[in-house]
């Protein structure tokens, strides 16, 4: 097993306790890493609450809200092609 004691790891994409990102975070934690996670904030605080419910299973060192604002619609999603 890897020894990640004292190393920092940032895990993104934890949606719930069945997500791949959650499994990765658990394995990194077991290897000794300090875990930081990101989440998309919403008005009701749903994602932050989910992470707070999962956090007793890990010791989260960092909890980062990710601020994202889309300026233009993606041309890849456009049906005008």
C-alpha atoms as a PDB file:
ATOM      1  CA  UNK A   1       0.000   0.000   0.000  1.00  0.00           C
ATOM      2  CA  UNK A   2       1.112   3.544  -0.655  1.00  0.00           C
ATOM      3  CA  UNK A   3       2.310   5.712   2.203  1.00  0.00           C
ATOM      4  CA  UNK A   4       0.878   9.180   1.655  1.00  0.00           C
ATOM      5  CA  UNK A   5       1.384  10.381   5.219  1.00  0.00           C
ATOM      6  CA  UNK A   6       1.712  14.159   5.256  1.00  0.00           C
ATOM      7  CA  UNK A   7       0.670  14.525   1.606  1.00  0.00           C
ATOM      8  CA  UNK A   8      -2.339  16.583   0.548  1.00  0.00           C
ATOM      9  CA  UNK A   9      -4.936  15.292  -1.911  1.00  0.00           C
ATOM     10  CA  UNK A  10      -7.769  17.245  -3.510  1.00  0.00           C
ATOM     11  CA  UNK A  11     -10.732  15.107  -4.561  1.00  0.00           C
ATOM     12  CA  UNK A  12     -13.438  16.508  -6.820  1.00  0.00           C
ATOM     13  CA  UNK A  13     -16.743  15.050  -7.894  1.00  0.00           C
ATOM     14  CA  UNK A  14     -17.993  13.416  -4.702  1.00  0.00           C
ATOM     15  CA  UNK A  15     -21.724  13.185  -5.296  1.00  0.00           C
ATOM     16  CA  UNK A  16     -22.588  10.590  -2.644  1.00  0.00           C
ATOM     17  CA  UNK A  17     -21.192   7.545  -0.876  1.00  0.00           C
ATOM     18  CA  UNK A  18     -21.469   5.441  -4.061  1.00  0.00           C
ATOM     19  CA  UNK A  19     -19.419   7.714  -6.331  1.00  0.00           C
ATOM     20  CA  UNK A  20     -16.005   6.717  -7.637  1.00  0.00           C
ATOM     21  CA  UNK A  21     -14.576   9.928  -6.183  1.00  0.00           C
ATOM     22  CA  UNK A  22     -15.783   8.868  -2.736  1.00  0.00           C
ATOM     23  CA  UNK A  23     -13.977   5.541  -3.084  1.00  0.00           C
ATOM     24  CA  UNK A  24     -10.812   7.335  -4.159  1.00  0.00           C
ATOM     25  CA  UNK A  25     -11.039   9.704  -1.189  1.00  0.00           C
ATOM     26  CA  UNK A  26     -11.385   6.736   1.179  1.00  0.00           C
ATOM     27  CA  UNK A  27      -8.327   4.977  -0.249  1.00  0.00           C
ATOM     28  CA  UNK A  28      -6.234   8.155  -0.133  1.00  0.00           C
ATOM     29  CA  UNK A  29      -7.283   8.655   3.482  1.00  0.00           C
ATOM     30  CA  UNK A  30      -6.362   5.064   4.369  1.00  0.00           C
ATOM     31  CA  UNK A  31      -2.939   5.695   2.789  1.00  0.00           C
ATOM     32  CA  UNK A  32      -2.431   8.637   5.169  1.00  0.00           C
ATOM     33  CA  UNK A  33      -3.202  11.638   2.946  1.00  0.00           C
ATOM     34  CA  UNK A  34      -4.853  14.827   4.160  1.00  0.00           C
ATOM     35  CA  UNK A  35      -8.083  15.078   2.155  1.00  0.00           C
ATOM     36  CA  UNK A  36      -9.567  18.199   0.612  1.00  0.00           C
ATOM     37  CA  UNK A  37     -12.783  18.123  -1.378  1.00  0.00           C
ATOM     38  CA  UNK A  38     -14.638  20.523  -3.616  1.00  0.00           C
ATOM     39  CA  UNK A  39     -18.351  20.980  -4.053  1.00  0.00           C
ATOM     40  CA  UNK A  40     -20.705  23.160  -6.076  1.00  0.00           C
ATOM     41  CA  UNK A  41     -22.576  25.435  -3.681  1.00  0.00           C
ATOM     42  CA  UNK A  42     -26.299  25.929  -4.120  1.00  0.00           C
ATOM     43  CA  UNK A  43     -28.856  28.116  -2.362  1.00  0.00           C
ATOM     44  CA  UNK A  44     -30.133  25.252  -0.206  1.00  0.00           C
ATOM     45  CA  UNK A  45     -26.679  23.966   0.751  1.00  0.00           C
ATOM     46  CA  UNK A  46     -27.526  20.412  -0.385  1.00  0.00           C
ATOM     47  CA  UNK A  47     -24.041  19.401  -1.557  1.00  0.00           C
ATOM     48  CA  UNK A  48     -22.301  20.885   1.442  1.00  0.00           C
ATOM     49  CA  UNK A  49     -24.682  18.938   3.714  1.00  0.00           C
ATOM     50  CA  UNK A  50     -23.934  15.712   1.836  1.00  0.00           C
ATOM     51  CA  UNK A  51     -20.219  16.206   2.332  1.00  0.00           C
ATOM     52  CA  UNK A  52     -20.710  17.087   5.976  1.00  0.00           C
ATOM     53  CA  UNK A  53     -22.650  13.835   6.429  1.00  0.00           C
ATOM     54  CA  UNK A  54     -19.805  11.887   4.815  1.00  0.00           C
ATOM     55  CA  UNK A  55     -17.022  13.764   6.603  1.00  0.00           C
ATOM     56  CA  UNK A  56     -17.182  11.781   9.885  1.00  0.00           C
ATOM     57  CA  UNK A  57     -15.968   8.823   7.839  1.00  0.00           C
ATOM     58  CA  UNK A  58     -12.909  10.831   6.781  1.00  0.00           C
ATOM     59  CA  UNK A  59     -11.067  13.692   8.378  1.00  0.00           C
ATOM     60  CA  UNK A  60     -11.517  16.449   5.821  1.00  0.00           C
ATOM     61  CA  UNK A  61      -8.784  19.009   6.086  1.00  0.00           C
ATOM     62  CA  UNK A  62     -10.158  21.269   3.360  1.00  0.00           C
ATOM     63  CA  UNK A  63     -13.694  21.859   2.084  1.00  0.00           C
ATOM     64  CA  UNK A  64     -13.753  24.170  -0.923  1.00  0.00           C
ATOM     65  CA  UNK A  65     -16.828  25.622  -2.620  1.00  0.00           C
ATOM     66  CA  UNK A  66     -16.238  25.903  -6.347  1.00  0.00           C
ATOM     67  CA  UNK A  67     -17.599  29.077  -7.894  1.00  0.00           C
ATOM     68  CA  UNK A  68     -18.498  28.581 -11.527  1.00  0.00           C
ATOM     69  CA  UNK A  69     -20.229  31.022 -13.824  1.00  0.00           C
ATOM     70  CA  UNK A  70     -20.844  30.181 -17.456  1.00  0.00           C
ATOM     71  CA  UNK A  71     -20.425  33.224 -19.690  1.00  0.00           C
ATOM     72  CA  UNK A  72     -21.421  31.675 -22.997  1.00  0.00           C
ATOM     73  CA  UNK A  73     -23.316  28.579 -24.027  1.00  0.00           C
ATOM     74  CA  UNK A  74     -21.078  25.905 -25.412  1.00  0.00           C
ATOM     75  CA  UNK A  75     -21.189  25.503 -29.157  1.00  0.00           C
ATOM     76  CA  UNK A  76     -20.915  21.758 -28.594  1.00  0.00           C
ATOM     77  CA  UNK A  77     -24.379  21.768 -27.070  1.00  0.00           C
ATOM     78  CA  UNK A  78     -25.898  23.896 -29.784  1.00  0.00           C
ATOM     79  CA  UNK A  79     -28.490  22.305 -32.065  1.00  0.00           C
ATOM     80  CA  UNK A  80     -27.757  24.841 -34.818  1.00  0.00           C
ATOM     81  CA  UNK A  81     -25.180  22.584 -36.467  1.00  0.00           C
END
